[in-house]
Amino acid sequence: QLALERAVSGAAQRNTALASNLANANTP
């Protein structure tokens, strides 16, 4: 259960990072 909680947390952090990447898609 703790590993599942960390997986959800890690996926949330990764989601934020990937969304940030997309937001900066046109940043030279």
mmCIF file of all heavy atoms, coordinates in Angstrom:
data_MODEL
# 
_entry.id   MODEL 
# 
loop_
_atom_site.group_PDB 
_atom_site.id 
_atom_site.type_symbol 
_atom_site.label_atom_id 
_atom_site.label_alt_id 
_atom_site.label_comp_id 
_atom_site.label_asym_id 
_atom_site.label_entity_id 
_atom_site.label_seq_id 
_atom_site.pdbx_PDB_ins_code 
_atom_site.Cartn_x 
_atom_site.Cartn_y 
_atom_site.Cartn_z 
_atom_site.occupancy 
_atom_site.B_iso_or_equiv 
_atom_site.pdbx_formal_charge 
_atom_site.auth_seq_id 
_atom_site.auth_comp_id 
_atom_site.auth_asym_id 
_atom_site.auth_atom_id 
_atom_site.pdbx_PDB_model_num 
ATOM 1   N N   . GLN A 1 1  ? 0.838  -1.202 0.000   1.00 0.00 ? 1  GLN A N   1 
ATOM 2   C CA  . GLN A 1 1  ? 0.000  0.000  0.000   1.00 0.00 ? 1  GLN A CA  1 
ATOM 3   C C   . GLN A 1 1  ? 0.875  1.255  0.000   1.00 0.00 ? 1  GLN A C   1 
ATOM 4   O O   . GLN A 1 1  ? 0.575  2.216  -0.707  1.00 0.00 ? 1  GLN A O   1 
ATOM 5   C CB  . GLN A 1 1  ? -0.945 0.012  1.210   1.00 0.00 ? 1  GLN A CB  1 
ATOM 6   C CG  . GLN A 1 1  ? -2.030 1.055  1.124   1.00 0.00 ? 1  GLN A CG  1 
ATOM 7   C CD  . GLN A 1 1  ? -3.066 0.755  0.052   1.00 0.00 ? 1  GLN A CD  1 
ATOM 8   O OE1 . GLN A 1 1  ? -3.287 -0.386 -0.322  1.00 0.00 ? 1  GLN A OE1 1 
ATOM 9   N NE2 . GLN A 1 1  ? -3.705 1.789  -0.444  1.00 0.00 ? 1  GLN A NE2 1 
ATOM 10  N N   . LEU A 1 2  ? 1.938  1.239  0.754   1.00 0.00 ? 2  LEU A N   1 
ATOM 11  C CA  . LEU A 1 2  ? 2.859  2.374  0.779   1.00 0.00 ? 2  LEU A CA  1 
ATOM 12  C C   . LEU A 1 2  ? 3.508  2.569  -0.596  1.00 0.00 ? 2  LEU A C   1 
ATOM 13  O O   . LEU A 1 2  ? 3.641  3.698  -1.074  1.00 0.00 ? 2  LEU A O   1 
ATOM 14  C CB  . LEU A 1 2  ? 3.925  2.179  1.853   1.00 0.00 ? 2  LEU A CB  1 
ATOM 15  C CG  . LEU A 1 2  ? 4.891  3.330  2.079   1.00 0.00 ? 2  LEU A CG  1 
ATOM 16  C CD1 . LEU A 1 2  ? 4.168  4.632  2.407   1.00 0.00 ? 2  LEU A CD1 1 
ATOM 17  C CD2 . LEU A 1 2  ? 5.870  2.982  3.198   1.00 0.00 ? 2  LEU A CD2 1 
ATOM 18  N N   . ALA A 1 3  ? 3.879  1.476  -1.254  1.00 0.00 ? 3  ALA A N   1 
ATOM 19  C CA  . ALA A 1 3  ? 4.462  1.567  -2.593  1.00 0.00 ? 3  ALA A CA  1 
ATOM 20  C C   . ALA A 1 3  ? 3.449  2.132  -3.587  1.00 0.00 ? 3  ALA A C   1 
ATOM 21  O O   . ALA A 1 3  ? 3.807  2.945  -4.455  1.00 0.00 ? 3  ALA A O   1 
ATOM 22  C CB  . ALA A 1 3  ? 4.956  0.194  -3.047  1.00 0.00 ? 3  ALA A CB  1 
ATOM 23  N N   . LEU A 1 4  ? 2.198  1.740  -3.453  1.00 0.00 ? 4  LEU A N   1 
ATOM 24  C CA  . LEU A 1 4  ? 1.155  2.296  -4.327  1.00 0.00 ? 4  LEU A CA  1 
ATOM 25  C C   . LEU A 1 4  ? 1.003  3.799  -4.100  1.00 0.00 ? 4  LEU A C   1 
ATOM 26  O O   . LEU A 1 4  ? 0.862  4.572  -5.054  1.00 0.00 ? 4  LEU A O   1 
ATOM 27  C CB  . LEU A 1 4  ? -0.181 1.590  -4.081  1.00 0.00 ? 4  LEU A CB  1 
ATOM 28  C CG  . LEU A 1 4  ? -0.316 0.201  -4.685  1.00 0.00 ? 4  LEU A CG  1 
ATOM 29  C CD1 . LEU A 1 4  ? -1.534 -0.517 -4.109  1.00 0.00 ? 4  LEU A CD1 1 
ATOM 30  C CD2 . LEU A 1 4  ? -0.411 0.283  -6.199  1.00 0.00 ? 4  LEU A CD2 1 
ATOM 31  N N   . GLU A 1 5  ? 1.037  4.214  -2.835  1.00 0.00 ? 5  GLU A N   1 
ATOM 32  C CA  . GLU A 1 5  ? 0.940  5.646  -2.526  1.00 0.00 ? 5  GLU A CA  1 
ATOM 33  C C   . GLU A 1 5  ? 2.121  6.406  -3.138  1.00 0.00 ? 5  GLU A C   1 
ATOM 34  O O   . GLU A 1 5  ? 1.953  7.494  -3.690  1.00 0.00 ? 5  GLU A O   1 
ATOM 35  C CB  . GLU A 1 5  ? 0.898  5.863  -1.020  1.00 0.00 ? 5  GLU A CB  1 
ATOM 36  C CG  . GLU A 1 5  ? -0.384 5.402  -0.383  1.00 0.00 ? 5  GLU A CG  1 
ATOM 37  C CD  . GLU A 1 5  ? -0.352 5.475  1.135   1.00 0.00 ? 5  GLU A CD  1 
ATOM 38  O OE1 . GLU A 1 5  ? 0.573  6.107  1.703   1.00 0.00 ? 5  GLU A OE1 1 
ATOM 39  O OE2 . GLU A 1 5  ? -1.247 4.892  1.763   1.00 0.00 ? 5  GLU A OE2 1 
ATOM 40  N N   . ARG A 1 6  ? 3.317  5.835  -3.048  1.00 0.00 ? 6  ARG A N   1 
ATOM 41  C CA  . ARG A 1 6  ? 4.493  6.495  -3.625  1.00 0.00 ? 6  ARG A CA  1 
ATOM 42  C C   . ARG A 1 6  ? 4.414  6.515  -5.151  1.00 0.00 ? 6  ARG A C   1 
ATOM 43  O O   . ARG A 1 6  ? 4.855  7.463  -5.788  1.00 0.00 ? 6  ARG A O   1 
ATOM 44  C CB  . ARG A 1 6  ? 5.779  5.805  -3.172  1.00 0.00 ? 6  ARG A CB  1 
ATOM 45  C CG  . ARG A 1 6  ? 6.063  5.928  -1.691  1.00 0.00 ? 6  ARG A CG  1 
ATOM 46  C CD  . ARG A 1 6  ? 6.096  7.389  -1.222  1.00 0.00 ? 6  ARG A CD  1 
ATOM 47  N NE  . ARG A 1 6  ? 6.426  7.499  0.165   1.00 0.00 ? 6  ARG A NE  1 
ATOM 48  C CZ  . ARG A 1 6  ? 5.542  7.641  1.148   1.00 0.00 ? 6  ARG A CZ  1 
ATOM 49  N NH1 . ARG A 1 6  ? 4.257  7.711  0.894   1.00 0.00 ? 6  ARG A NH1 1 
ATOM 50  N NH2 . ARG A 1 6  ? 5.942  7.734  2.401   1.00 0.00 ? 6  ARG A NH2 1 
ATOM 51  N N   . ALA A 1 7  ? 3.846  5.467  -5.745  1.00 0.00 ? 7  ALA A N   1 
ATOM 52  C CA  . ALA A 1 7  ? 3.671  5.439  -7.198  1.00 0.00 ? 7  ALA A CA  1 
ATOM 53  C C   . ALA A 1 7  ? 2.712  6.542  -7.640  1.00 0.00 ? 7  ALA A C   1 
ATOM 54  O O   . ALA A 1 7  ? 2.966  7.231  -8.644  1.00 0.00 ? 7  ALA A O   1 
ATOM 55  C CB  . ALA A 1 7  ? 3.165  4.077  -7.651  1.00 0.00 ? 7  ALA A CB  1 
ATOM 56  N N   . VAL A 1 8  ? 1.637  6.736  -6.904  1.00 0.00 ? 8  VAL A N   1 
ATOM 57  C CA  . VAL A 1 8  ? 0.686  7.809  -7.226  1.00 0.00 ? 8  VAL A CA  1 
ATOM 58  C C   . VAL A 1 8  ? 1.374  9.162  -7.085  1.00 0.00 ? 8  VAL A C   1 
ATOM 59  O O   . VAL A 1 8  ? 1.245  10.035 -7.951  1.00 0.00 ? 8  VAL A O   1 
ATOM 60  C CB  . VAL A 1 8  ? -0.567 7.717  -6.324  1.00 0.00 ? 8  VAL A CB  1 
ATOM 61  C CG1 . VAL A 1 8  ? -1.436 8.956  -6.469  1.00 0.00 ? 8  VAL A CG1 1 
ATOM 62  C CG2 . VAL A 1 8  ? -1.366 6.466  -6.648  1.00 0.00 ? 8  VAL A CG2 1 
ATOM 63  N N   . SER A 1 9  ? 2.132  9.332  -6.017  1.00 0.00 ? 9  SER A N   1 
ATOM 64  C CA  . SER A 1 9  ? 2.850  10.580 -5.788  1.00 0.00 ? 9  SER A CA  1 
ATOM 65  C C   . SER A 1 9  ? 3.899  10.823 -6.875  1.00 0.00 ? 9  SER A C   1 
ATOM 66  O O   . SER A 1 9  ? 4.020  11.942 -7.397  1.00 0.00 ? 9  SER A O   1 
ATOM 67  C CB  . SER A 1 9  ? 3.523  10.545 -4.412  1.00 0.00 ? 9  SER A CB  1 
ATOM 68  O OG  . SER A 1 9  ? 4.332  11.664 -4.222  1.00 0.00 ? 9  SER A OG  1 
ATOM 69  N N   . GLY A 1 10 ? 4.648  9.794  -7.216  1.00 0.00 ? 10 GLY A N   1 
ATOM 70  C CA  . GLY A 1 10 ? 5.662  9.925  -8.262  1.00 0.00 ? 10 GLY A CA  1 
ATOM 71  C C   . GLY A 1 10 ? 5.043  10.245 -9.614  1.00 0.00 ? 10 GLY A C   1 
ATOM 72  O O   . GLY A 1 10 ? 5.555  11.081 -10.358 1.00 0.00 ? 10 GLY A O   1 
ATOM 73  N N   . ALA A 1 11 ? 3.922  9.605  -9.916  1.00 0.00 ? 11 ALA A N   1 
ATOM 74  C CA  . ALA A 1 11 ? 3.233  9.887  -11.175 1.00 0.00 ? 11 ALA A CA  1 
ATOM 75  C C   . ALA A 1 11 ? 2.710  11.322 -11.197 1.00 0.00 ? 11 ALA A C   1 
ATOM 76  O O   . ALA A 1 11 ? 2.743  11.977 -12.245 1.00 0.00 ? 11 ALA A O   1 
ATOM 77  C CB  . ALA A 1 11 ? 2.097  8.892  -11.391 1.00 0.00 ? 11 ALA A CB  1 
ATOM 78  N N   . ALA A 1 12 ? 2.259  11.817 -10.055 1.00 0.00 ? 12 ALA A N   1 
ATOM 79  C CA  . ALA A 1 12 ? 1.797  13.211 -9.990  1.00 0.00 ? 12 ALA A CA  1 
ATOM 80  C C   . ALA A 1 12 ? 2.945  14.179 -10.237 1.00 0.00 ? 12 ALA A C   1 
ATOM 81  O O   . ALA A 1 12 ? 2.797  15.162 -10.982 1.00 0.00 ? 12 ALA A O   1 
ATOM 82  C CB  . ALA A 1 12 ? 1.150  13.484 -8.629  1.00 0.00 ? 12 ALA A CB  1 
ATOM 83  N N   . GLN A 1 13 ? 4.099  13.894 -9.638  1.00 0.00 ? 13 GLN A N   1 
ATOM 84  C CA  . GLN A 1 13 ? 5.275  14.741 -9.859  1.00 0.00 ? 13 GLN A CA  1 
ATOM 85  C C   . GLN A 1 13 ? 5.716  14.673 -11.322 1.00 0.00 ? 13 GLN A C   1 
ATOM 86  O O   . GLN A 1 13 ? 6.099  15.681 -11.913 1.00 0.00 ? 13 GLN A O   1 
ATOM 87  C CB  . GLN A 1 13 ? 6.430  14.311 -8.948  1.00 0.00 ? 13 GLN A CB  1 
ATOM 88  C CG  . GLN A 1 13 ? 6.206  14.612 -7.492  1.00 0.00 ? 13 GLN A CG  1 
ATOM 89  C CD  . GLN A 1 13 ? 6.248  16.098 -7.210  1.00 0.00 ? 13 GLN A CD  1 
ATOM 90  O OE1 . GLN A 1 13 ? 6.845  16.875 -7.929  1.00 0.00 ? 13 GLN A OE1 1 
ATOM 91  N NE2 . GLN A 1 13 ? 5.578  16.501 -6.151  1.00 0.00 ? 13 GLN A NE2 1 
ATOM 92  N N   . ARG A 1 14 ? 5.654  13.474 -11.893 1.00 0.00 ? 14 ARG A N   1 
ATOM 93  C CA  . ARG A 1 14 ? 6.040  13.329 -13.300 1.00 0.00 ? 14 ARG A CA  1 
ATOM 94  C C   . ARG A 1 14 ? 5.056  14.059 -14.197 1.00 0.00 ? 14 ARG A C   1 
ATOM 95  O O   . ARG A 1 14 ? 5.445  14.694 -15.173 1.00 0.00 ? 14 ARG A O   1 
ATOM 96  C CB  . ARG A 1 14 ? 6.113  11.849 -13.691 1.00 0.00 ? 14 ARG A CB  1 
ATOM 97  C CG  . ARG A 1 14 ? 6.634  11.684 -15.116 1.00 0.00 ? 14 ARG A CG  1 
ATOM 98  C CD  . ARG A 1 14 ? 7.003  10.258 -15.436 1.00 0.00 ? 14 ARG A CD  1 
ATOM 99  N NE  . ARG A 1 14 ? 7.784  10.249 -16.671 1.00 0.00 ? 14 ARG A NE  1 
ATOM 100 C CZ  . ARG A 1 14 ? 7.465  9.532  -17.734 1.00 0.00 ? 14 ARG A CZ  1 
ATOM 101 N NH1 . ARG A 1 14 ? 6.424  8.728  -17.713 1.00 0.00 ? 14 ARG A NH1 1 
ATOM 102 N NH2 . ARG A 1 14 ? 8.218  9.605  -18.815 1.00 0.00 ? 14 ARG A NH2 1 
ATOM 103 N N   . ASN A 1 15 ? 3.779  14.003 -13.861 1.00 0.00 ? 15 ASN A N   1 
ATOM 104 C CA  . ASN A 1 15 ? 2.769  14.719 -14.632 1.00 0.00 ? 15 ASN A CA  1 
ATOM 105 C C   . ASN A 1 15 ? 3.069  16.216 -14.655 1.00 0.00 ? 15 ASN A C   1 
ATOM 106 O O   . ASN A 1 15 ? 2.988  16.861 -15.706 1.00 0.00 ? 15 ASN A O   1 
ATOM 107 C CB  . ASN A 1 15 ? 1.381  14.466 -14.048 1.00 0.00 ? 15 ASN A CB  1 
ATOM 108 C CG  . ASN A 1 15 ? 0.283  15.017 -14.913 1.00 0.00 ? 15 ASN A CG  1 
ATOM 109 O OD1 . ASN A 1 15 ? 0.087  14.540 -16.022 1.00 0.00 ? 15 ASN A OD1 1 
ATOM 110 N ND2 . ASN A 1 15 ? -0.420 16.019 -14.415 1.00 0.00 ? 15 ASN A ND2 1 
ATOM 111 N N   . THR A 1 16 ? 3.439  16.759 -13.510 1.00 0.00 ? 16 THR A N   1 
ATOM 112 C CA  . THR A 1 16 ? 3.783  18.181 -13.423 1.00 0.00 ? 16 THR A CA  1 
ATOM 113 C C   . THR A 1 16 ? 4.992  18.501 -14.307 1.00 0.00 ? 16 THR A C   1 
ATOM 114 O O   . THR A 1 16 ? 5.000  19.508 -15.015 1.00 0.00 ? 16 THR A O   1 
ATOM 115 C CB  . THR A 1 16 ? 4.064  18.570 -11.959 1.00 0.00 ? 16 THR A CB  1 
ATOM 116 O OG1 . THR A 1 16 ? 2.878  18.312 -11.191 1.00 0.00 ? 16 THR A OG1 1 
ATOM 117 C CG2 . THR A 1 16 ? 4.450  20.024 -11.829 1.00 0.00 ? 16 THR A CG2 1 
ATOM 118 N N   . ALA A 1 17 ? 6.005  17.628 -14.265 1.00 0.00 ? 17 ALA A N   1 
ATOM 119 C CA  . ALA A 1 17 ? 7.208  17.848 -15.070 1.00 0.00 ? 17 ALA A CA  1 
ATOM 120 C C   . ALA A 1 17 ? 6.891  17.783 -16.562 1.00 0.00 ? 17 ALA A C   1 
ATOM 121 O O   . ALA A 1 17 ? 7.344  18.629 -17.342 1.00 0.00 ? 17 ALA A O   1 
ATOM 122 C CB  . ALA A 1 17 ? 8.284  16.819 -14.716 1.00 0.00 ? 17 ALA A CB  1 
ATOM 123 N N   . LEU A 1 18 ? 6.103  16.793 -16.963 1.00 0.00 ? 18 LEU A N   1 
ATOM 124 C CA  . LEU A 1 18 ? 5.766  16.637 -18.375 1.00 0.00 ? 18 LEU A CA  1 
ATOM 125 C C   . LEU A 1 18 ? 4.904  17.807 -18.859 1.00 0.00 ? 18 LEU A C   1 
ATOM 126 O O   . LEU A 1 18 ? 5.089  18.304 -19.977 1.00 0.00 ? 18 LEU A O   1 
ATOM 127 C CB  . LEU A 1 18 ? 5.054  15.307 -18.613 1.00 0.00 ? 18 LEU A CB  1 
ATOM 128 C CG  . LEU A 1 18 ? 5.876  14.044 -18.327 1.00 0.00 ? 18 LEU A CG  1 
ATOM 129 C CD1 . LEU A 1 18 ? 5.014  12.793 -18.462 1.00 0.00 ? 18 LEU A CD1 1 
ATOM 130 C CD2 . LEU A 1 18 ? 7.091  13.965 -19.222 1.00 0.00 ? 18 LEU A CD2 1 
ATOM 131 N N   . ALA A 1 19 ? 3.976  18.264 -18.021 1.00 0.00 ? 19 ALA A N   1 
ATOM 132 C CA  . ALA A 1 19 ? 3.154  19.424 -18.386 1.00 0.00 ? 19 ALA A CA  1 
ATOM 133 C C   . ALA A 1 19 ? 4.018  20.678 -18.518 1.00 0.00 ? 19 ALA A C   1 
ATOM 134 O O   . ALA A 1 19 ? 3.798  21.499 -19.413 1.00 0.00 ? 19 ALA A O   1 
ATOM 135 C CB  . ALA A 1 19 ? 2.052  19.629 -17.346 1.00 0.00 ? 19 ALA A CB  1 
ATOM 136 N N   . SER A 1 20 ? 5.005  20.808 -17.652 1.00 0.00 ? 20 SER A N   1 
ATOM 137 C CA  . SER A 1 20 ? 5.930  21.939 -17.739 1.00 0.00 ? 20 SER A CA  1 
ATOM 138 C C   . SER A 1 20 ? 6.724  21.882 -19.032 1.00 0.00 ? 20 SER A C   1 
ATOM 139 O O   . SER A 1 20 ? 6.955  22.909 -19.679 1.00 0.00 ? 20 SER A O   1 
ATOM 140 C CB  . SER A 1 20 ? 6.876  21.935 -16.534 1.00 0.00 ? 20 SER A CB  1 
ATOM 141 O OG  . SER A 1 20 ? 7.830  22.959 -16.644 1.00 0.00 ? 20 SER A OG  1 
ATOM 142 N N   . ASN A 1 21 ? 7.132  20.677 -19.414 1.00 0.00 ? 21 ASN A N   1 
ATOM 143 C CA  . ASN A 1 21 ? 7.848  20.514 -20.682 1.00 0.00 ? 21 ASN A CA  1 
ATOM 144 C C   . ASN A 1 21 ? 6.984  20.995 -21.843 1.00 0.00 ? 21 ASN A C   1 
ATOM 145 O O   . ASN A 1 21 ? 7.456  21.722 -22.718 1.00 0.00 ? 21 ASN A O   1 
ATOM 146 C CB  . ASN A 1 21 ? 8.246  19.055 -20.899 1.00 0.00 ? 21 ASN A CB  1 
ATOM 147 C CG  . ASN A 1 21 ? 9.326  18.603 -19.957 1.00 0.00 ? 21 ASN A CG  1 
ATOM 148 O OD1 . ASN A 1 21 ? 10.055 19.396 -19.372 1.00 0.00 ? 21 ASN A OD1 1 
ATOM 149 N ND2 . ASN A 1 21 ? 9.430  17.299 -19.786 1.00 0.00 ? 21 ASN A ND2 1 
ATOM 150 N N   . LEU A 1 22 ? 5.726  20.581 -21.844 1.00 0.00 ? 22 LEU A N   1 
ATOM 151 C CA  . LEU A 1 22 ? 4.829  20.998 -22.930 1.00 0.00 ? 22 LEU A CA  1 
ATOM 152 C C   . LEU A 1 22 ? 4.595  22.500 -22.912 1.00 0.00 ? 22 LEU A C   1 
ATOM 153 O O   . LEU A 1 22 ? 4.517  23.134 -23.969 1.00 0.00 ? 22 LEU A O   1 
ATOM 154 C CB  . LEU A 1 22 ? 3.500  20.245 -22.831 1.00 0.00 ? 22 LEU A CB  1 
ATOM 155 C CG  . LEU A 1 22 ? 3.550  18.793 -23.281 1.00 0.00 ? 22 LEU A CG  1 
ATOM 156 C CD1 . LEU A 1 22 ? 2.263  18.063 -22.927 1.00 0.00 ? 22 LEU A CD1 1 
ATOM 157 C CD2 . LEU A 1 22 ? 3.823  18.702 -24.774 1.00 0.00 ? 22 LEU A CD2 1 
ATOM 158 N N   . ALA A 1 23 ? 4.501  23.070 -21.722 1.00 0.00 ? 23 ALA A N   1 
ATOM 159 C CA  . ALA A 1 23 ? 4.305  24.515 -21.619 1.00 0.00 ? 23 ALA A CA  1 
ATOM 160 C C   . ALA A 1 23 ? 5.501  25.287 -22.166 1.00 0.00 ? 23 ALA A C   1 
ATOM 161 O O   . ALA A 1 23 ? 5.351  26.422 -22.619 1.00 0.00 ? 23 ALA A O   1 
ATOM 162 C CB  . ALA A 1 23 ? 4.053  24.909 -20.163 1.00 0.00 ? 23 ALA A CB  1 
ATOM 163 N N   . ASN A 1 24 ? 6.662  24.670 -22.134 1.00 0.00 ? 24 ASN A N   1 
ATOM 164 C CA  . ASN A 1 24 ? 7.889  25.317 -22.624 1.00 0.00 ? 24 ASN A CA  1 
ATOM 165 C C   . ASN A 1 24 ? 8.298  24.819 -24.006 1.00 0.00 ? 24 ASN A C   1 
ATOM 166 O O   . ASN A 1 24 ? 9.447  24.999 -24.419 1.00 0.00 ? 24 ASN A O   1 
ATOM 167 C CB  . ASN A 1 24 ? 9.029  25.081 -21.631 1.00 0.00 ? 24 ASN A CB  1 
ATOM 168 C CG  . ASN A 1 24 ? 8.872  25.930 -20.405 1.00 0.00 ? 24 ASN A CG  1 
ATOM 169 O OD1 . ASN A 1 24 ? 9.031  27.138 -20.473 1.00 0.00 ? 24 ASN A OD1 1 
ATOM 170 N ND2 . ASN A 1 24 ? 8.516  25.298 -19.306 1.00 0.00 ? 24 ASN A ND2 1 
ATOM 171 N N   . ALA A 1 25 ? 7.373  24.231 -24.724 1.00 0.00 ? 25 ALA A N   1 
ATOM 172 C CA  . ALA A 1 25 ? 7.677  23.628 -26.023 1.00 0.00 ? 25 ALA A CA  1 
ATOM 173 C C   . ALA A 1 25 ? 8.279  24.618 -27.014 1.00 0.00 ? 25 ALA A C   1 
ATOM 174 O O   . ALA A 1 25 ? 9.095  24.241 -27.846 1.00 0.00 ? 25 ALA A O   1 
ATOM 175 C CB  . ALA A 1 25 ? 6.420  22.998 -26.615 1.00 0.00 ? 25 ALA A CB  1 
ATOM 176 N N   . ASN A 1 26 ? 7.905  25.873 -26.911 1.00 0.00 ? 26 ASN A N   1 
ATOM 177 C CA  . ASN A 1 26 ? 8.406  26.880 -27.858 1.00 0.00 ? 26 ASN A CA  1 
ATOM 178 C C   . ASN A 1 26 ? 9.493  27.763 -27.262 1.00 0.00 ? 26 ASN A C   1 
ATOM 179 O O   . ASN A 1 26 ? 9.837  28.790 -27.849 1.00 0.00 ? 26 ASN A O   1 
ATOM 180 C CB  . ASN A 1 26 ? 7.248  27.735 -28.375 1.00 0.00 ? 26 ASN A CB  1 
ATOM 181 C CG  . ASN A 1 26 ? 6.304  26.922 -29.231 1.00 0.00 ? 26 ASN A CG  1 
ATOM 182 O OD1 . ASN A 1 26 ? 6.743  26.075 -29.997 1.00 0.00 ? 26 ASN A OD1 1 
ATOM 183 N ND2 . ASN A 1 26 ? 5.015  27.153 -29.078 1.00 0.00 ? 26 ASN A ND2 1 
ATOM 184 N N   . THR A 1 27 ? 10.023 27.369 -26.115 1.00 0.00 ? 27 THR A N   1 
ATOM 185 C CA  . THR A 1 27 ? 11.094 28.132 -25.486 1.00 0.00 ? 27 THR A CA  1 
ATOM 186 C C   . THR A 1 27 ? 12.433 27.697 -26.079 1.00 0.00 ? 27 THR A C   1 
ATOM 187 O O   . THR A 1 27 ? 12.824 26.533 -25.933 1.00 0.00 ? 27 THR A O   1 
ATOM 188 C CB  . THR A 1 27 ? 11.101 27.902 -23.957 1.00 0.00 ? 27 THR A CB  1 
ATOM 189 O OG1 . THR A 1 27 ? 9.829  28.255 -23.425 1.00 0.00 ? 27 THR A OG1 1 
ATOM 190 C CG2 . THR A 1 27 ? 12.189 28.706 -23.283 1.00 0.00 ? 27 THR A CG2 1 
ATOM 191 N N   . PRO A 1 28 ? 13.126 28.610 -26.759 1.00 0.00 ? 28 PRO A N   1 
ATOM 192 C CA  . PRO A 1 28 ? 14.421 28.244 -27.356 1.00 0.00 ? 28 PRO A CA  1 
ATOM 193 C C   . PRO A 1 28 ? 15.402 27.747 -26.287 1.00 0.00 ? 28 PRO A C   1 
ATOM 194 O O   . PRO A 1 28 ? 15.510 28.319 -25.205 1.00 0.00 ? 28 PRO A O   1 
ATOM 195 C CB  . PRO A 1 28 ? 14.915 29.553 -27.973 1.00 0.00 ? 28 PRO A CB  1 
ATOM 196 C CG  . PRO A 1 28 ? 13.684 30.368 -28.183 1.00 0.00 ? 28 PRO A CG  1 
ATOM 197 C CD  . PRO A 1 28 ? 12.758 29.996 -27.049 1.00 0.00 ? 28 PRO A CD  1 
# 
